[in-house]
C-alpha atoms as a PDB file:
ATOM      1  CA  MET A   1      59.094  32.959 -73.127  1.00  0.00           C
ATOM      2  CA  GLN A   2      62.141  33.430 -70.944  1.00  0.00           C
ATOM      3  CA  ARG A   3      61.912  36.278 -68.447  1.00  0.00           C
ATOM      4  CA  THR A   4      65.012  37.440 -66.603  1.00  0.00           C
ATOM      5  CA  GLU A   5      65.263  39.834 -63.704  1.00  0.00           C
ATOM      6  CA  ALA A   6      68.286  41.600 -62.230  1.00  0.00           C
ATOM      7  CA  VAL A   7      68.782  40.805 -58.547  1.00  0.00           C
ATOM      8  CA  GLU A   8      71.428  42.298 -56.260  1.00  0.00           C
ATOM      9  CA  ILE A   9      73.111  39.934 -53.800  1.00  0.00           C
ATOM     10  CA  GLN A  10      75.996  40.197 -51.348  1.00  0.00           C
ATOM     11  CA  CYS A  11      78.997  37.900 -51.762  1.00  0.00           C
ATOM     12  CA  PRO A  12      79.348  35.675 -48.661  1.00  0.00           C
ATOM     13  CA  TYR A  13      83.153  35.882 -48.967  1.00  0.00           C
ATOM     14  CA  CYS A  14      84.124  39.486 -49.731  1.00  0.00           C
ATOM     15  CA  GLY A  15      80.843  41.224 -48.797  1.00  0.00           C
ATOM     16  CA  GLU A  16      80.600  43.154 -52.077  1.00  0.00           C
ATOM     17  CA  ASN A  17      77.214  43.657 -53.711  1.00  0.00           C
ATOM     18  CA  ILE A  18      76.964  42.043 -57.138  1.00  0.00           C
ATOM     19  CA  GLU A  19      74.148  41.835 -59.662  1.00  0.00           C
ATOM     20  CA  LEU A  20      72.818  38.540 -60.994  1.00  0.00           C
ATOM     21  CA  SER A  21      70.479  37.935 -63.892  1.00  0.00           C
ATOM     22  CA  VAL A  22      67.847  35.438 -62.687  1.00  0.00           C
ATOM     23  CA  ASP A  23      65.770  33.306 -65.077  1.00  0.00           C
ATOM     24  CA  CYS A  24      62.214  33.696 -63.742  1.00  0.00           C
ATOM     25  CA  SER A  25      60.787  31.041 -66.091  1.00  0.00           C
ATOM     26  CA  VAL A  26      62.241  28.262 -63.898  1.00  0.00           C
ATOM     27  CA  GLU A  27      60.334  27.848 -60.614  1.00  0.00           C
ATOM     28  CA  LYS A  28      63.256  26.531 -58.533  1.00  0.00           C
ATOM     29  CA  GLN A  29      66.938  26.373 -59.394  1.00  0.00           C
ATOM     30  CA  SER A  30      70.304  25.942 -57.707  1.00  0.00           C
ATOM     31  CA  TYR A  31      73.708  26.664 -59.197  1.00  0.00           C
ATOM     32  CA  ILE A  32      77.250  27.870 -58.494  1.00  0.00           C
ATOM     33  CA  GLU A  33      78.458  31.208 -59.835  1.00  0.00           C
ATOM     34  CA  ASP A  34      81.798  32.899 -59.189  1.00  0.00           C
ATOM     35  CA  CYS A  35      81.809  36.303 -57.491  1.00  0.00           C
ATOM     36  CA  GLN A  36      82.570  39.033 -60.019  1.00  0.00           C
ATOM     37  CA  ILE A  37      84.879  40.718 -57.462  1.00  0.00           C
ATOM     38  CA  CYS A  38      86.812  38.002 -55.571  1.00  0.00           C
ATOM     39  CA  CYS A  39      86.181  35.078 -58.003  1.00  0.00           C
ATOM     40  CA  ARG A  40      85.189  32.637 -55.233  1.00  0.00           C
ATOM     41  CA  PRO A  41      82.296  30.197 -55.861  1.00  0.00           C
ATOM     42  CA  ILE A  42      78.887  31.235 -54.494  1.00  0.00           C
ATOM     43  CA  GLU A  43      76.057  28.717 -54.130  1.00  0.00           C
ATOM     44  CA  ILE A  44      72.860  30.366 -55.388  1.00  0.00           C
ATOM     45  CA  VAL A  45      69.348  29.017 -54.752  1.00  0.00           C
ATOM     46  CA  VAL A  46      66.462  30.736 -56.537  1.00  0.00           C
ATOM     47  CA  ALA A  47      62.753  30.134 -55.922  1.00  0.00           C
ATOM     48  CA  ILE A  48      60.081  32.006 -57.877  1.00  0.00           C
ATOM     49  CA  ASP A  49      56.988  32.844 -55.803  1.00  0.00           C
ATOM     50  CA  ALA A  50      53.349  32.784 -56.991  1.00  0.00           C
ATOM     51  CA  GLU A  51      53.604  36.392 -58.238  1.00  0.00           C
ATOM     52  CA  GLY A  52      56.722  35.592 -60.284  1.00  0.00           C
ATOM     53  CA  VAL A  53      59.114  37.381 -57.920  1.00  0.00           C
ATOM     54  CA  PRO A  54      62.494  35.675 -57.424  1.00  0.00           C
ATOM     55  CA  ASN A  55      63.651  34.882 -53.881  1.00  0.00           C
ATOM     56  CA  VAL A  56      67.415  34.389 -53.883  1.00  0.00           C
ATOM     57  CA  GLU A  57      69.539  32.792 -51.153  1.00  0.00           C
ATOM     58  CA  VAL A  58      73.329  32.737 -51.345  1.00  0.00           C
ATOM     59  CA  SER A  59      75.959  30.896 -49.345  1.00  0.00           C
ATOM     60  CA  ALA A  60      79.632  30.079 -49.500  1.00  0.00           C
ATOM     61  CA  GLU A  61      80.099  26.848 -51.459  1.00  0.00           C
ATOM     62  CA  ASP A  62      81.796  25.130 -48.505  1.00  0.00           C
ATOM     63  CA  ASP A  63      78.906  26.134 -46.151  1.00  0.00           C
ATOM     64  CA  ALA A  64      76.297  24.266 -48.195  1.00  0.00           C
END
């Protein structure tokens, strides 16, 4: 069963808050998603803790 959770992050480029839908069925994942406001690529790293809560880190793609 796939469980998703909405998580709010801040774009490392424009500073706007955007909402992501995180797949909590995958323990650790890393991907690039474009900001919904400025369209620049954000590197997103998600780790699901023991309680199933997603911990999300974001960075500018060129900072990674």
